[in-house]
């Protein structure tokens, strides 16, 4: 039962985060052309180069978290992974601000 509750919460948070990302992308379309490509290609390229390792680390942690939630694990382990994911995403956000990247340009 505990595992079902944790899985339900994780799924709900995932659905909410997708909605937020979609909404923010819709409101910041001014930095992209009609095809969704970023208008400032040099900044976008620099941003992607600087955040590639961080983005990979986020993906690995998210996979690890989903596997952890699928088994009978402790909530402490899950919270620690969630905190690490948030820290990595915050670091990506700092780089995005440094290059003045809008959400629609953050591939």
PDB file of N, CA and C in Angstrom:
ATOM      1  N   UNK A   1       0.822  -1.191   0.000  1.00  0.00           N
ATOM      2  CA  UNK A   1       0.000   0.000   0.000  1.00  0.00           C
ATOM      3  C   UNK A   1       0.871   1.261   0.000  1.00  0.00           C
ATOM      4  N   UNK A   2       1.957   1.219   0.769  1.00  0.00           N
ATOM      5  CA  UNK A   2       2.859   2.372   0.829  1.00  0.00           C
ATOM      6  C   UNK A   2       3.442   2.648  -0.553  1.00  0.00           C
ATOM      7  N   UNK A   3       3.825   1.575  -1.249  1.00  0.00           N
ATOM      8  CA  UNK A   3       4.405   1.722  -2.580  1.00  0.00           C
ATOM      9  C   UNK A   3       3.389   2.316  -3.558  1.00  0.00           C
ATOM     10  N   UNK A   4       2.132   1.894  -3.463  1.00  0.00           N
ATOM     11  CA  UNK A   4       1.089   2.426  -4.340  1.00  0.00           C
ATOM     12  C   UNK A   4       0.877   3.918  -4.113  1.00  0.00           C
ATOM     13  N   UNK A   5       0.931   4.329  -2.850  1.00  0.00           N
ATOM     14  CA  UNK A   5       0.766   5.747  -2.533  1.00  0.00           C
ATOM     15  C   UNK A   5       1.918   6.565  -3.114  1.00  0.00           C
ATOM     16  N   UNK A   6       3.139   6.071  -2.942  1.00  0.00           N
ATOM     17  CA  UNK A   6       4.321   6.774  -3.462  1.00  0.00           C
ATOM     18  C   UNK A   6       4.249   6.854  -4.988  1.00  0.00           C
ATOM     19  N   UNK A   7       3.875   5.747  -5.628  1.00  0.00           N
ATOM     20  CA  UNK A   7       3.766   5.739  -7.092  1.00  0.00           C
ATOM     21  C   UNK A   7       2.694   6.727  -7.557  1.00  0.00           C
ATOM     22  N   UNK A   8       1.583   6.780  -6.859  1.00  0.00           N
ATOM     23  CA  UNK A   8       0.520   7.718  -7.220  1.00  0.00           C
ATOM     24  C   UNK A   8       0.977   9.158  -7.124  1.00  0.00           C
ATOM     25  N   UNK A   9       1.700   9.466  -6.068  1.00  0.00           N
ATOM     26  CA  UNK A   9       2.222  10.828  -5.891  1.00  0.00           C
ATOM     27  C   UNK A   9       3.226  11.155  -6.984  1.00  0.00           C
ATOM     28  N   UNK A  10       4.114  10.206  -7.293  1.00  0.00           N
ATOM     29  CA  UNK A  10       5.124  10.431  -8.334  1.00  0.00           C
ATOM     30  C   UNK A  10       4.469  10.675  -9.691  1.00  0.00           C
ATOM     31  N   UNK A  11       3.455   9.911 -10.008  1.00  0.00           N
ATOM     32  CA  UNK A  11       2.757  10.084 -11.287  1.00  0.00           C
ATOM     33  C   UNK A  11       2.055  11.444 -11.328  1.00  0.00           C
ATOM     34  N   UNK A  12       1.417  11.811 -10.227  1.00  0.00           N
ATOM     35  CA  UNK A  12       0.730  13.105 -10.180  1.00  0.00           C
ATOM     36  C   UNK A  12       1.710  14.255 -10.366  1.00  0.00           C
ATOM     37  N   UNK A  13       2.855  14.186  -9.716  1.00  0.00           N
ATOM     38  CA  UNK A  13       3.865  15.239  -9.870  1.00  0.00           C
ATOM     39  C   UNK A  13       4.387  15.291 -11.294  1.00  0.00           C
ATOM     40  N   UNK A  14       4.566  14.139 -11.911  1.00  0.00           N
ATOM     41  CA  UNK A  14       5.022  14.103 -13.298  1.00  0.00           C
ATOM     42  C   UNK A  14       4.034  14.766 -14.231  1.00  0.00           C
ATOM     43  N   UNK A  15       2.754  14.481 -14.043  1.00  0.00           N
ATOM     44  CA  UNK A  15       1.718  15.078 -14.886  1.00  0.00           C
ATOM     45  C   UNK A  15       1.667  16.587 -14.683  1.00  0.00           C
ATOM     46  N   UNK A  16       1.777  17.025 -13.435  1.00  0.00           N
ATOM     47  CA  UNK A  16       1.759  18.466 -13.167  1.00  0.00           C
ATOM     48  C   UNK A  16       2.959  19.169 -13.781  1.00  0.00           C
ATOM     49  N   UNK A  17       4.133  18.557 -13.688  1.00  0.00           N
ATOM     50  CA  UNK A  17       5.326  19.219 -14.236  1.00  0.00           C
ATOM     51  C   UNK A  17       5.248  19.322 -15.749  1.00  0.00           C
ATOM     52  N   UNK A  18       4.678  18.330 -16.416  1.00  0.00           N
ATOM     53  CA  UNK A  18       4.519  18.400 -17.870  1.00  0.00           C
ATOM     54  C   UNK A  18       3.590  19.548 -18.238  1.00  0.00           C
ATOM     55  N   UNK A  19       2.535  19.734 -17.470  1.00  0.00           N
ATOM     56  CA  UNK A  19       1.608  20.837 -17.726  1.00  0.00           C
ATOM     57  C   UNK A  19       2.260  22.193 -17.555  1.00  0.00           C
ATOM     58  N   UNK A  20       3.079  22.325 -16.541  1.00  0.00           N
ATOM     59  CA  UNK A  20       3.767  23.589 -16.289  1.00  0.00           C
ATOM     60  C   UNK A  20       4.749  23.898 -17.411  1.00  0.00           C
ATOM     61  N   UNK A  21       5.502  22.905 -17.834  1.00  0.00           N
ATOM     62  CA  UNK A  21       6.463  23.103 -18.918  1.00  0.00           C
ATOM     63  C   UNK A  21       5.740  23.494 -20.201  1.00  0.00           C
ATOM     64  N   UNK A  22       4.639  22.834 -20.499  1.00  0.00           N
ATOM     65  CA  UNK A  22       3.883  23.156 -21.706  1.00  0.00           C
ATOM     66  C   UNK A  22       3.347  24.577 -21.657  1.00  0.00           C
ATOM     67  N   UNK A  23       2.835  24.964 -20.513  1.00  0.00           N
ATOM     68  CA  UNK A  23       2.286  26.314 -20.368  1.00  0.00           C
ATOM     69  C   UNK A  23       3.371  27.370 -20.489  1.00  0.00           C
ATOM     70  N   UNK A  24       4.531  27.121 -19.873  1.00  0.00           N
ATOM     71  CA  UNK A  24       5.594  28.120 -19.954  1.00  0.00           C
ATOM     72  C   UNK A  24       6.153  28.209 -21.368  1.00  0.00           C
ATOM     73  N   UNK A  25       6.212  27.106 -22.070  1.00  0.00           N
ATOM     74  CA  UNK A  25       6.702  27.128 -23.452  1.00  0.00           C
ATOM     75  C   UNK A  25       5.739  27.888 -24.346  1.00  0.00           C
ATOM     76  N   UNK A  26       4.471  27.785 -24.080  1.00  0.00           N
ATOM     77  CA  UNK A  26       3.472  28.475 -24.895  1.00  0.00           C
ATOM     78  C   UNK A  26       3.541  29.980 -24.701  1.00  0.00           C
ATOM     79  N   UNK A  27       3.924  30.417 -23.497  1.00  0.00           N
ATOM     80  CA  UNK A  27       3.955  31.854 -23.235  1.00  0.00           C
ATOM     81  C   UNK A  27       5.270  32.503 -23.616  1.00  0.00           C
ATOM     82  N   UNK A  28       6.306  31.721 -23.938  1.00  0.00           N
ATOM     83  CA  UNK A  28       7.614  32.304 -24.250  1.00  0.00           C
ATOM     84  C   UNK A  28       8.032  31.994 -25.686  1.00  0.00           C
ATOM     85  N   UNK A  29       7.077  31.883 -26.563  1.00  0.00           N
ATOM     86  CA  UNK A  29       7.385  31.500 -27.942  1.00  0.00           C
ATOM     87  C   UNK A  29       8.075  32.611 -28.733  1.00  0.00           C
ATOM     88  N   UNK A  30       8.250  33.782 -28.164  1.00  0.00           N
ATOM     89  CA  UNK A  30       8.843  34.896 -28.883  1.00  0.00           C
ATOM     90  C   UNK A  30      10.323  34.676 -29.209  1.00  0.00           C
ATOM     91  N   UNK A  31      10.993  33.764 -28.514  1.00  0.00           N
ATOM     92  CA  UNK A  31      12.417  33.544 -28.772  1.00  0.00           C
ATOM     93  C   UNK A  31      12.655  32.496 -29.849  1.00  0.00           C
ATOM     94  N   UNK A  32      11.573  31.918 -30.374  1.00  0.00           N
ATOM     95  CA  UNK A  32      11.700  30.838 -31.345  1.00  0.00           C
ATOM     96  C   UNK A  32      11.010  31.201 -32.652  1.00  0.00           C
ATOM     97  N   UNK A  33      11.472  30.586 -33.732  1.00  0.00           N
ATOM     98  CA  UNK A  33      10.810  30.787 -35.011  1.00  0.00           C
ATOM     99  C   UNK A  33       9.600  29.859 -35.111  1.00  0.00           C
ATOM    100  N   UNK A  34       8.962  29.803 -36.252  1.00  0.00           N
ATOM    101  CA  UNK A  34       7.748  29.009 -36.418  1.00  0.00           C
ATOM    102  C   UNK A  34       7.992  27.513 -36.231  1.00  0.00           C
ATOM    103  N   UNK A  35       9.197  27.042 -36.525  1.00  0.00           N
ATOM    104  CA  UNK A  35       9.515  25.628 -36.379  1.00  0.00           C
ATOM    105  C   UNK A  35       9.920  25.269 -34.951  1.00  0.00           C
ATOM    106  N   UNK A  36       9.985  26.255 -34.079  1.00  0.00           N
ATOM    107  CA  UNK A  36      10.376  26.017 -32.699  1.00  0.00           C
ATOM    108  C   UNK A  36      11.870  26.092 -32.457  1.00  0.00           C
ATOM    109  N   UNK A  37      12.629  26.468 -33.466  1.00  0.00           N
ATOM    110  CA  UNK A  37      14.082  26.596 -33.312  1.00  0.00           C
ATOM    111  C   UNK A  37      14.412  27.924 -32.646  1.00  0.00           C
ATOM    112  N   UNK A  38      15.427  27.923 -31.847  1.00  0.00           N
ATOM    113  CA  UNK A  38      15.845  29.122 -31.133  1.00  0.00           C
ATOM    114  C   UNK A  38      16.424  30.145 -32.116  1.00  0.00           C
ATOM    115  N   UNK A  39      16.049  31.407 -31.957  1.00  0.00           N
ATOM    116  CA  UNK A  39      16.527  32.454 -32.852  1.00  0.00           C
ATOM    117  C   UNK A  39      18.001  32.789 -32.629  1.00  0.00           C
ATOM    118  N   UNK A  40      18.455  32.739 -31.381  1.00  0.00           N
ATOM    119  CA  UNK A  40      19.850  33.039 -31.070  1.00  0.00           C
ATOM    120  C   UNK A  40      20.632  31.728 -31.025  1.00  0.00           C
ATOM    121  N   UNK A  41      21.103  31.303 -32.177  1.00  0.00           N
ATOM    122  CA  UNK A  41      21.735  29.982 -32.300  1.00  0.00           C
ATOM    123  C   UNK A  41      23.055  29.874 -31.531  1.00  0.00           C
ATOM    124  N   UNK A  42      23.837  30.941 -31.465  1.00  0.00           N
ATOM    125  CA  UNK A  42      25.119  30.847 -30.763  1.00  0.00           C
ATOM    126  C   UNK A  42      24.917  30.678 -29.255  1.00  0.00           C
ATOM    127  N   UNK A  43      23.970  31.420 -28.686  1.00  0.00           N
ATOM    128  CA  UNK A  43      23.684  31.261 -27.258  1.00  0.00           C
ATOM    129  C   UNK A  43      23.107  29.885 -26.975  1.00  0.00           C
ATOM    130  N   UNK A  44      22.243  29.413 -27.852  1.00  0.00           N
ATOM    131  CA  UNK A  44      21.644  28.095 -27.670  1.00  0.00           C
ATOM    132  C   UNK A  44      22.710  27.005 -27.710  1.00  0.00           C
ATOM    133  N   UNK A  45      23.659  27.139 -28.615  1.00  0.00           N
ATOM    134  CA  UNK A  45      24.726  26.142 -28.726  1.00  0.00           C
ATOM    135  C   UNK A  45      25.611  26.160 -27.481  1.00  0.00           C
ATOM    136  N   UNK A  46      25.977  27.347 -27.008  1.00  0.00           N
ATOM    137  CA  UNK A  46      26.793  27.455 -25.800  1.00  0.00           C
ATOM    138  C   UNK A  46      26.064  26.858 -24.603  1.00  0.00           C
ATOM    139  N   UNK A  47      24.770  27.179 -24.493  1.00  0.00           N
ATOM    140  CA  UNK A  47      23.950  26.657 -23.398  1.00  0.00           C
ATOM    141  C   UNK A  47      23.934  25.136 -23.427  1.00  0.00           C
ATOM    142  N   UNK A  48      23.723  24.554 -24.598  1.00  0.00           N
ATOM    143  CA  UNK A  48      23.663  23.095 -24.706  1.00  0.00           C
ATOM    144  C   UNK A  48      25.004  22.454 -24.358  1.00  0.00           C
ATOM    145  N   UNK A  49      26.098  23.080 -24.777  1.00  0.00           N
ATOM    146  CA  UNK A  49      27.416  22.539 -24.461  1.00  0.00           C
ATOM    147  C   UNK A  49      27.683  22.580 -22.960  1.00  0.00           C
ATOM    148  N   UNK A  50      27.314  23.692 -22.327  1.00  0.00           N
ATOM    149  CA  UNK A  50      27.586  23.838 -20.903  1.00  0.00           C
ATOM    150  C   UNK A  50      26.689  22.980 -20.026  1.00  0.00           C
ATOM    151  N   UNK A  51      25.510  22.634 -20.522  1.00  0.00           N
ATOM    152  CA  UNK A  51      24.565  21.879 -19.693  1.00  0.00           C
ATOM    153  C   UNK A  51      24.426  20.416 -20.098  1.00  0.00           C
ATOM    154  N   UNK A  52      25.168  19.964 -21.082  1.00  0.00           N
ATOM    155  CA  UNK A  52      25.031  18.578 -21.556  1.00  0.00           C
ATOM    156  C   UNK A  52      25.269  17.576 -20.424  1.00  0.00           C
ATOM    157  N   UNK A  53      26.343  17.750 -19.675  1.00  0.00           N
ATOM    158  CA  UNK A  53      26.652  16.814 -18.589  1.00  0.00           C
ATOM    159  C   UNK A  53      25.589  16.880 -17.496  1.00  0.00           C
ATOM    160  N   UNK A  54      25.121  18.087 -17.199  1.00  0.00           N
ATOM    161  CA  UNK A  54      24.077  18.231 -16.175  1.00  0.00           C
ATOM    162  C   UNK A  54      22.774  17.584 -16.626  1.00  0.00           C
ATOM    163  N   UNK A  55      22.416  17.771 -17.880  1.00  0.00           N
ATOM    164  CA  UNK A  55      21.195  17.174 -18.409  1.00  0.00           C
ATOM    165  C   UNK A  55      21.272  15.650 -18.382  1.00  0.00           C
ATOM    166  N   UNK A  56      22.424  15.107 -18.730  1.00  0.00           N
ATOM    167  CA  UNK A  56      22.613  13.655 -18.669  1.00  0.00           C
ATOM    168  C   UNK A  56      22.480  13.157 -17.233  1.00  0.00           C
ATOM    169  N   UNK A  57      23.054  13.909 -16.286  1.00  0.00           N
ATOM    170  CA  UNK A  57      22.971  13.519 -14.881  1.00  0.00           C
ATOM    171  C   UNK A  57      21.524  13.546 -14.393  1.00  0.00           C
ATOM    172  N   UNK A  58      20.753  14.536 -14.841  1.00  0.00           N
ATOM    173  CA  UNK A  58      19.337  14.608 -14.463  1.00  0.00           C
ATOM    174  C   UNK A  58      18.602  13.379 -14.983  1.00  0.00           C
ATOM    175  N   UNK A  59      18.828  13.020 -16.237  1.00  0.00           N
ATOM    176  CA  UNK A  59      18.153  11.850 -16.807  1.00  0.00           C
ATOM    177  C   UNK A  59      18.497  10.575 -16.038  1.00  0.00           C
ATOM    178  N   UNK A  60      19.763  10.411 -15.699  1.00  0.00           N
ATOM    179  CA  UNK A  60      20.194   9.221 -14.954  1.00  0.00           C
ATOM    180  C   UNK A  60      19.511   9.184 -13.587  1.00  0.00           C
ATOM    181  N   UNK A  61      19.484  10.326 -12.896  1.00  0.00           N
ATOM    182  CA  UNK A  61      18.860  10.386 -11.570  1.00  0.00           C
ATOM    183  C   UNK A  61      17.359  10.132 -11.665  1.00  0.00           C
ATOM    184  N   UNK A  62      16.699  10.655 -12.695  1.00  0.00           N
ATOM    185  CA  UNK A  62      15.262  10.435 -12.842  1.00  0.00           C
ATOM    186  C   UNK A  62      14.954   8.962 -13.109  1.00  0.00           C
ATOM    187  N   UNK A  63      15.784   8.296 -13.898  1.00  0.00           N
ATOM    188  CA  UNK A  63      15.606   6.859 -14.134  1.00  0.00           C
ATOM    189  C   UNK A  63      15.828   6.090 -12.837  1.00  0.00           C
ATOM    190  N   UNK A  64      16.879   6.461 -12.118  1.00  0.00           N
ATOM    191  CA  UNK A  64      17.171   5.808 -10.847  1.00  0.00           C
ATOM    192  C   UNK A  64      16.016   6.002  -9.863  1.00  0.00           C
ATOM    193  N   UNK A  65      15.453   7.209  -9.845  1.00  0.00           N
ATOM    194  CA  UNK A  65      14.330   7.497  -8.959  1.00  0.00           C
ATOM    195  C   UNK A  65      13.107   6.669  -9.337  1.00  0.00           C
ATOM    196  N   UNK A  66      12.809   6.571 -10.617  1.00  0.00           N
ATOM    197  CA  UNK A  66      11.643   5.793 -11.027  1.00  0.00           C
ATOM    198  C   UNK A  66      11.827   4.321 -10.694  1.00  0.00           C
ATOM    199  N   UNK A  67      13.048   3.807 -10.812  1.00  0.00           N
ATOM    200  CA  UNK A  67      13.316   2.418 -10.428  1.00  0.00           C
ATOM    201  C   UNK A  67      13.191   2.243  -8.918  1.00  0.00           C
ATOM    202  N   UNK A  68      13.666   3.226  -8.188  1.00  0.00           N
ATOM    203  CA  UNK A  68      13.602   3.176  -6.735  1.00  0.00           C
ATOM    204  C   UNK A  68      12.158   3.176  -6.257  1.00  0.00           C
ATOM    205  N   UNK A  69      11.329   3.970  -6.891  1.00  0.00           N
ATOM    206  CA  UNK A  69       9.923   4.033  -6.505  1.00  0.00           C
ATOM    207  C   UNK A  69       9.173   2.765  -6.895  1.00  0.00           C
ATOM    208  N   UNK A  70       9.691   2.024  -7.857  1.00  0.00           N
ATOM    209  CA  UNK A  70       9.054   0.787  -8.286  1.00  0.00           C
ATOM    210  C   UNK A  70       9.309  -0.367  -7.332  1.00  0.00           C
ATOM    211  N   UNK A  71      10.265  -0.232  -6.441  1.00  0.00           N
ATOM    212  CA  UNK A  71      10.602  -1.293  -5.496  1.00  0.00           C
ATOM    213  C   UNK A  71      10.247  -0.841  -4.083  1.00  0.00           C
ATOM    214  N   UNK A  72      10.384  -1.732  -3.151  1.00  0.00           N
ATOM    215  CA  UNK A  72      10.085  -1.403  -1.761  1.00  0.00           C
ATOM    216  C   UNK A  72      11.297  -0.701  -1.162  1.00  0.00           C
ATOM    217  N   UNK A  73      11.389   0.585  -1.386  1.00  0.00           N
ATOM    218  CA  UNK A  73      12.534   1.350  -0.905  1.00  0.00           C
ATOM    219  C   UNK A  73      12.075   2.328   0.164  1.00  0.00           C
ATOM    220  N   UNK A  74      13.030   2.957   0.762  1.00  0.00           N
ATOM    221  CA  UNK A  74      12.682   3.936   1.790  1.00  0.00           C
ATOM    222  C   UNK A  74      12.408   5.279   1.149  1.00  0.00           C
ATOM    223  N   UNK A  75      11.553   6.037   1.767  1.00  0.00           N
ATOM    224  CA  UNK A  75      11.203   7.359   1.266  1.00  0.00           C
ATOM    225  C   UNK A  75      12.402   8.304   1.377  1.00  0.00           C
ATOM    226  N   UNK A  76      13.306   8.021   2.294  1.00  0.00           N
ATOM    227  CA  UNK A  76      14.500   8.861   2.462  1.00  0.00           C
ATOM    228  C   UNK A  76      15.370   8.807   1.211  1.00  0.00           C
ATOM    229  N   UNK A  77      15.530   7.613   0.641  1.00  0.00           N
ATOM    230  CA  UNK A  77      16.322   7.474  -0.588  1.00  0.00           C
ATOM    231  C   UNK A  77      15.672   8.248  -1.733  1.00  0.00           C
ATOM    232  N   UNK A  78      14.359   8.145  -1.834  1.00  0.00           N
ATOM    233  CA  UNK A  78      13.636   8.847  -2.902  1.00  0.00           C
ATOM    234  C   UNK A  78      13.766  10.353  -2.739  1.00  0.00           C
ATOM    235  N   UNK A  79      13.623  10.832  -1.527  1.00  0.00           N
ATOM    236  CA  UNK A  79      13.743  12.281  -1.293  1.00  0.00           C
ATOM    237  C   UNK A  79      15.154  12.785  -1.584  1.00  0.00           C
ATOM    238  N   UNK A  80      16.151  11.966  -1.265  1.00  0.00           N
ATOM    239  CA  UNK A  80      17.528  12.366  -1.551  1.00  0.00           C
ATOM    240  C   UNK A  80      17.741  12.494  -3.056  1.00  0.00           C
ATOM    241  N   UNK A  81      17.234  11.539  -3.818  1.00  0.00           N
ATOM    242  CA  UNK A  81      17.361  11.612  -5.278  1.00  0.00           C
ATOM    243  C   UNK A  81      16.597  12.808  -5.827  1.00  0.00           C
ATOM    244  N   UNK A  82      15.401  13.062  -5.306  1.00  0.00           N
ATOM    245  CA  UNK A  82      14.633  14.219  -5.758  1.00  0.00           C
ATOM    246  C   UNK A  82      15.396  15.520  -5.489  1.00  0.00           C
ATOM    247  N   UNK A  83      16.058  15.605  -4.332  1.00  0.00           N
ATOM    248  CA  UNK A  83      16.846  16.792  -4.004  1.00  0.00           C
ATOM    249  C   UNK A  83      18.031  16.949  -4.960  1.00  0.00           C
ATOM    250  N   UNK A  84      18.673  15.832  -5.308  1.00  0.00           N
ATOM    251  CA  UNK A  84      19.795  15.886  -6.243  1.00  0.00           C
ATOM    252  C   UNK A  84      19.325  16.325  -7.628  1.00  0.00           C
ATOM    253  N   UNK A  85      18.166  15.828  -8.053  1.00  0.00           N
ATOM    254  CA  UNK A  85      17.609  16.227  -9.345  1.00  0.00           C
ATOM    255  C   UNK A  85      17.299  17.715  -9.353  1.00  0.00           C
ATOM    256  N   UNK A  86      16.701  18.204  -8.262  1.00  0.00           N
ATOM    257  CA  UNK A  86      16.374  19.641  -8.169  1.00  0.00           C
ATOM    258  C   UNK A  86      17.639  20.483  -8.233  1.00  0.00           C
ATOM    259  N   UNK A  87      18.689  20.049  -7.534  1.00  0.00           N
ATOM    260  CA  UNK A  87      19.950  20.793  -7.553  1.00  0.00           C
ATOM    261  C   UNK A  87      20.529  20.855  -8.962  1.00  0.00           C
ATOM    262  N   UNK A  88      20.502  19.732  -9.675  1.00  0.00           N
ATOM    263  CA  UNK A  88      21.020  19.715 -11.048  1.00  0.00           C
ATOM    264  C   UNK A  88      20.201  20.631 -11.956  1.00  0.00           C
ATOM    265  N   UNK A  89      18.887  20.585 -11.815  1.00  0.00           N
ATOM    266  CA  UNK A  89      18.029  21.453 -12.630  1.00  0.00           C
ATOM    267  C   UNK A  89      18.247  22.926 -12.284  1.00  0.00           C
ATOM    268  N   UNK A  90      18.493  23.220 -11.015  1.00  0.00           N
ATOM    269  CA  UNK A  90      18.799  24.601 -10.623  1.00  0.00           C
ATOM    270  C   UNK A  90      20.101  25.067 -11.264  1.00  0.00           C
ATOM    271  N   UNK A  91      21.101  24.190 -11.312  1.00  0.00           N
ATOM    272  CA  UNK A  91      22.373  24.540 -11.954  1.00  0.00           C
ATOM    273  C   UNK A  91      22.171  24.781 -13.448  1.00  0.00           C
ATOM    274  N   UNK A  92      21.315  23.985 -14.078  1.00  0.00           N
ATOM    275  CA  UNK A  92      20.990  24.200 -15.488  1.00  0.00           C
ATOM    276  C   UNK A  92      20.303  25.552 -15.652  1.00  0.00           C
ATOM    277  N   UNK A  93      19.416  25.887 -14.723  1.00  0.00           N
ATOM    278  CA  UNK A  93      18.728  27.174 -14.765  1.00  0.00           C
ATOM    279  C   UNK A  93      19.680  28.356 -14.653  1.00  0.00           C
ATOM    280  N   UNK A  94      20.718  28.215 -13.844  1.00  0.00           N
ATOM    281  CA  UNK A  94      21.721  29.281 -13.705  1.00  0.00           C
ATOM    282  C   UNK A  94      22.424  29.517 -15.032  1.00  0.00           C
ATOM    283  N   UNK A  95      22.788  28.425 -15.705  1.00  0.00           N
ATOM    284  CA  UNK A  95      23.448  28.554 -17.014  1.00  0.00           C
ATOM    285  C   UNK A  95      22.478  29.180 -18.021  1.00  0.00           C
ATOM    286  N   UNK A  96      21.214  28.806 -17.951  1.00  0.00           N
ATOM    287  CA  UNK A  96      20.217  29.381 -18.862  1.00  0.00           C
ATOM    288  C   UNK A  96      20.092  30.879 -18.646  1.00  0.00           C
ATOM    289  N   UNK A  97      20.096  31.312 -17.396  1.00  0.00           N
ATOM    290  CA  UNK A  97      20.026  32.744 -17.111  1.00  0.00           C
ATOM    291  C   UNK A  97      21.277  33.464 -17.594  1.00  0.00           C
ATOM    292  N   UNK A  98      22.422  32.819 -17.441  1.00  0.00           N
ATOM    293  CA  UNK A  98      23.691  33.412 -17.880  1.00  0.00           C
ATOM    294  C   UNK A  98      23.657  33.710 -19.375  1.00  0.00           C
ATOM    295  N   UNK A  99      23.032  32.822 -20.144  1.00  0.00           N
ATOM    296  CA  UNK A  99      22.948  32.994 -21.595  1.00  0.00           C
ATOM    297  C   UNK A  99      21.621  33.604 -22.033  1.00  0.00           C
ATOM    298  N   UNK A 100      20.810  34.053 -21.077  1.00  0.00           N
ATOM    299  CA  UNK A 100      19.508  34.660 -21.360  1.00  0.00           C
ATOM    300  C   UNK A 100      18.643  33.740 -22.233  1.00  0.00           C
ATOM    301  N   UNK A 101      18.635  32.445 -21.885  1.00  0.00           N
ATOM    302  CA  UNK A 101      17.871  31.469 -22.654  1.00  0.00           C
ATOM    303  C   UNK A 101      16.424  31.438 -22.178  1.00  0.00           C
ATOM    304  N   UNK A 102      15.499  31.523 -23.099  1.00  0.00           N
ATOM    305  CA  UNK A 102      14.096  31.373 -22.780  1.00  0.00           C
ATOM    306  C   UNK A 102      13.773  29.881 -22.688  1.00  0.00           C
ATOM    307  N   UNK A 103      12.653  29.542 -22.070  1.00  0.00           N
ATOM    308  CA  UNK A 103      12.273  28.144 -21.905  1.00  0.00           C
ATOM    309  C   UNK A 103      12.147  27.421 -23.246  1.00  0.00           C
ATOM    310  N   UNK A 104      11.660  28.103 -24.257  1.00  0.00           N
ATOM    311  CA  UNK A 104      11.445  27.434 -25.542  1.00  0.00           C
ATOM    312  C   UNK A 104      12.769  27.080 -26.218  1.00  0.00           C
ATOM    313  N   UNK A 105      13.861  27.662 -25.780  1.00  0.00           N
ATOM    314  CA  UNK A 105      15.158  27.391 -26.386  1.00  0.00           C
ATOM    315  C   UNK A 105      15.968  26.369 -25.597  1.00  0.00           C
ATOM    316  N   UNK A 106      15.433  25.882 -24.511  1.00  0.00           N
ATOM    317  CA  UNK A 106      16.157  24.943 -23.644  1.00  0.00           C
ATOM    318  C   UNK A 106      15.921  23.511 -24.087  1.00  0.00           C
ATOM    319  N   UNK A 107      16.403  23.106 -25.230  1.00  0.00           N
ATOM    320  CA  UNK A 107      16.212  21.755 -25.750  1.00  0.00           C
ATOM    321  C   UNK A 107      16.541  20.724 -24.792  1.00  0.00           C
TER     322      UNK A 107
END
